[in-house]
Amino acid sequence: MIDVVVLSQPDCPFCDLAEQVLQRVARDYPLAVRHIALTSEEGQALAARHGVLFAPGILLDGQLISYGRPSERRLRRHLTAQAGRPTTHTTRP
């Protein structure tokens, strides 16, 4: 299982997009997704430690892979490098 932390905030279109991307990717990779408010003490500490300038920040197993507008392609590339091939095959548009 790959631990995914999403540093998010309310009324954030990119945070909503990150959720959609993670739902699609979770069909192919074993993800355990946790959402942490960027404004919380834990969220602020993680953002400062990893250099997250704005939401959403996405961390895989404690390593920052992106912040701001999420890229499904980039996320899949990181997951493939970390976990190997996807567990299932889905048709992507």
C-alpha atoms as a PDB file:
ATOM      1  CA  MET A   1       0.000   0.000   0.000  1.00  0.00           C
ATOM      2  CA  ILE A   2       1.338   3.411  -0.981  1.00  0.00           C
ATOM      3  CA  ASP A   3       0.720   6.202   1.523  1.00  0.00           C
ATOM      4  CA  VAL A   4      -0.584   9.339  -0.179  1.00  0.00           C
ATOM      5  CA  VAL A   5      -1.007  12.596   1.719  1.00  0.00           C
ATOM      6  CA  VAL A   6      -2.910  15.444   0.124  1.00  0.00           C
ATOM      7  CA  LEU A   7      -2.454  18.879   1.689  1.00  0.00           C
ATOM      8  CA  SER A   8      -5.679  20.625   0.768  1.00  0.00           C
ATOM      9  CA  GLN A   9      -7.853  23.604   1.561  1.00  0.00           C
ATOM     10  CA  PRO A  10     -11.545  24.462   1.137  1.00  0.00           C
ATOM     11  CA  ASP A  11     -12.840  25.961  -2.113  1.00  0.00           C
ATOM     12  CA  CYS A  12      -9.772  24.822  -4.030  1.00  0.00           C
ATOM     13  CA  PRO A  13     -10.477  23.715  -7.626  1.00  0.00           C
ATOM     14  CA  PHE A  14      -7.061  22.042  -7.909  1.00  0.00           C
ATOM     15  CA  CYS A  15      -7.802  20.104  -4.693  1.00  0.00           C
ATOM     16  CA  ASP A  16     -11.017  18.823  -6.281  1.00  0.00           C
ATOM     17  CA  LEU A  17      -9.050  17.884  -9.395  1.00  0.00           C
ATOM     18  CA  ALA A  18      -6.452  16.071  -7.250  1.00  0.00           C
ATOM     19  CA  GLU A  19      -9.248  14.006  -5.683  1.00  0.00           C
ATOM     20  CA  GLN A  20     -10.550  13.014  -9.127  1.00  0.00           C
ATOM     21  CA  VAL A  21      -7.051  12.102 -10.332  1.00  0.00           C
ATOM     22  CA  LEU A  22      -6.355  10.024  -7.221  1.00  0.00           C
ATOM     23  CA  GLN A  23      -9.655   8.164  -7.585  1.00  0.00           C
ATOM     24  CA  ARG A  24      -8.751   7.190 -11.158  1.00  0.00           C
ATOM     25  CA  VAL A  25      -5.190   6.224 -10.271  1.00  0.00           C
ATOM     26  CA  ALA A  26      -6.362   4.188  -7.254  1.00  0.00           C
ATOM     27  CA  ARG A  27      -8.012   1.771  -9.712  1.00  0.00           C
ATOM     28  CA  ASP A  28      -4.516   0.775 -10.844  1.00  0.00           C
ATOM     29  CA  TYR A  29      -2.347   1.222  -7.745  1.00  0.00           C
ATOM     30  CA  PRO A  30      -2.894   0.339  -4.057  1.00  0.00           C
ATOM     31  CA  LEU A  31      -3.244   3.794  -2.495  1.00  0.00           C
ATOM     32  CA  ALA A  32      -4.045   4.802   1.079  1.00  0.00           C
ATOM     33  CA  VAL A  33      -5.062   8.453   0.707  1.00  0.00           C
ATOM     34  CA  ARG A  34      -5.162  10.874   3.646  1.00  0.00           C
ATOM     35  CA  HIS A  35      -6.290  14.476   3.374  1.00  0.00           C
ATOM     36  CA  ILE A  36      -4.730  17.009   5.716  1.00  0.00           C
ATOM     37  CA  ALA A  37      -5.878  20.616   5.854  1.00  0.00           C
ATOM     38  CA  LEU A  38      -3.082  22.907   4.735  1.00  0.00           C
ATOM     39  CA  THR A  39      -4.138  25.351   7.464  1.00  0.00           C
ATOM     40  CA  SER A  40      -3.829  22.771  10.260  1.00  0.00           C
ATOM     41  CA  GLU A  41      -0.728  22.571  12.428  1.00  0.00           C
ATOM     42  CA  GLU A  42       0.264  19.260  10.823  1.00  0.00           C
ATOM     43  CA  GLY A  43      -0.464  20.632   7.329  1.00  0.00           C
ATOM     44  CA  GLN A  44       1.611  23.755   7.911  1.00  0.00           C
ATOM     45  CA  ALA A  45       4.518  21.683   9.255  1.00  0.00           C
ATOM     46  CA  LEU A  46       4.430  19.346   6.235  1.00  0.00           C
ATOM     47  CA  ALA A  47       4.150  22.281   3.823  1.00  0.00           C
ATOM     48  CA  ALA A  48       7.137  24.027   5.406  1.00  0.00           C
ATOM     49  CA  ARG A  49       9.213  20.826   5.454  1.00  0.00           C
ATOM     50  CA  HIS A  50       8.525  20.024   1.794  1.00  0.00           C
ATOM     51  CA  GLY A  51       8.310  23.523   0.303  1.00  0.00           C
ATOM     52  CA  VAL A  52       4.621  23.392  -0.620  1.00  0.00           C
ATOM     53  CA  LEU A  53       3.695  26.923  -1.660  1.00  0.00           C
ATOM     54  CA  PHE A  54      -0.024  26.307  -2.261  1.00  0.00           C
ATOM     55  CA  ALA A  55      -2.617  23.549  -2.302  1.00  0.00           C
ATOM     56  CA  PRO A  56      -2.859  20.810  -3.138  1.00  0.00           C
ATOM     57  CA  GLY A  57       0.430  19.313  -2.084  1.00  0.00           C
ATOM     58  CA  ILE A  58       0.747  15.599  -2.876  1.00  0.00           C
ATOM     59  CA  LEU A  59       3.205  13.394  -1.023  1.00  0.00           C
ATOM     60  CA  LEU A  60       3.894   9.730  -1.826  1.00  0.00           C
ATOM     61  CA  ASP A  61       5.327   7.785   1.094  1.00  0.00           C
ATOM     62  CA  GLY A  62       6.521  11.047   2.642  1.00  0.00           C
ATOM     63  CA  GLN A  63       8.104  12.468  -0.517  1.00  0.00           C
ATOM     64  CA  LEU A  64       6.656  15.546  -2.232  1.00  0.00           C
ATOM     65  CA  ILE A  65       5.805  14.878  -5.862  1.00  0.00           C
ATOM     66  CA  SER A  66       3.778  17.983  -6.674  1.00  0.00           C
ATOM     67  CA  TYR A  67       1.830  20.991  -5.529  1.00  0.00           C
ATOM     68  CA  GLY A  68      -0.666  23.126  -7.385  1.00  0.00           C
ATOM     69  CA  ARG A  69      -2.436  21.722 -10.419  1.00  0.00           C
ATOM     70  CA  PRO A  70      -2.004  17.934 -10.286  1.00  0.00           C
ATOM     71  CA  SER A  71      -0.805  15.927 -13.268  1.00  0.00           C
ATOM     72  CA  GLU A  72      -2.146  12.380 -13.602  1.00  0.00           C
ATOM     73  CA  ARG A  73       0.697  11.468 -15.949  1.00  0.00           C
ATOM     74  CA  ARG A  74       3.331  12.662 -13.479  1.00  0.00           C
ATOM     75  CA  LEU A  75       1.617  10.865 -10.585  1.00  0.00           C
ATOM     76  CA  ARG A  76       1.479   7.613 -12.569  1.00  0.00           C
ATOM     77  CA  ARG A  77       5.140   7.986 -13.532  1.00  0.00           C
ATOM     78  CA  HIS A  78       6.128   8.335  -9.865  1.00  0.00           C
ATOM     79  CA  LEU A  79       3.940   5.417  -8.835  1.00  0.00           C
ATOM     80  CA  THR A  80       5.338   3.173 -11.554  1.00  0.00           C
ATOM     81  CA  ALA A  81       8.886   4.044 -10.505  1.00  0.00           C
ATOM     82  CA  GLN A  82       8.022   3.380  -6.861  1.00  0.00           C
ATOM     83  CA  ALA A  83       5.654   0.419  -7.035  1.00  0.00           C
ATOM     84  CA  GLY A  84       6.180  -1.091 -10.461  1.00  0.00           C
ATOM     85  CA  ARG A  85       3.494  -1.766 -13.021  1.00  0.00           C
ATOM     86  CA  PRO A  86      -0.171  -1.048 -12.249  1.00  0.00           C
ATOM     87  CA  THR A  87      -2.137  -3.862 -10.630  1.00  0.00           C
ATOM     88  CA  THR A  88      -4.943  -3.690 -13.218  1.00  0.00           C
ATOM     89  CA  HIS A  89      -5.366  -2.252 -16.650  1.00  0.00           C
ATOM     90  CA  THR A  90      -8.019   0.326 -17.382  1.00  0.00           C
ATOM     91  CA  THR A  91      -8.816   2.134 -20.556  1.00  0.00           C
ATOM     92  CA  ARG A  92      -7.898   5.786 -20.324  1.00  0.00           C
ATOM     93  CA  PRO A  93      -9.255   8.349 -22.772  1.00  0.00           C
END
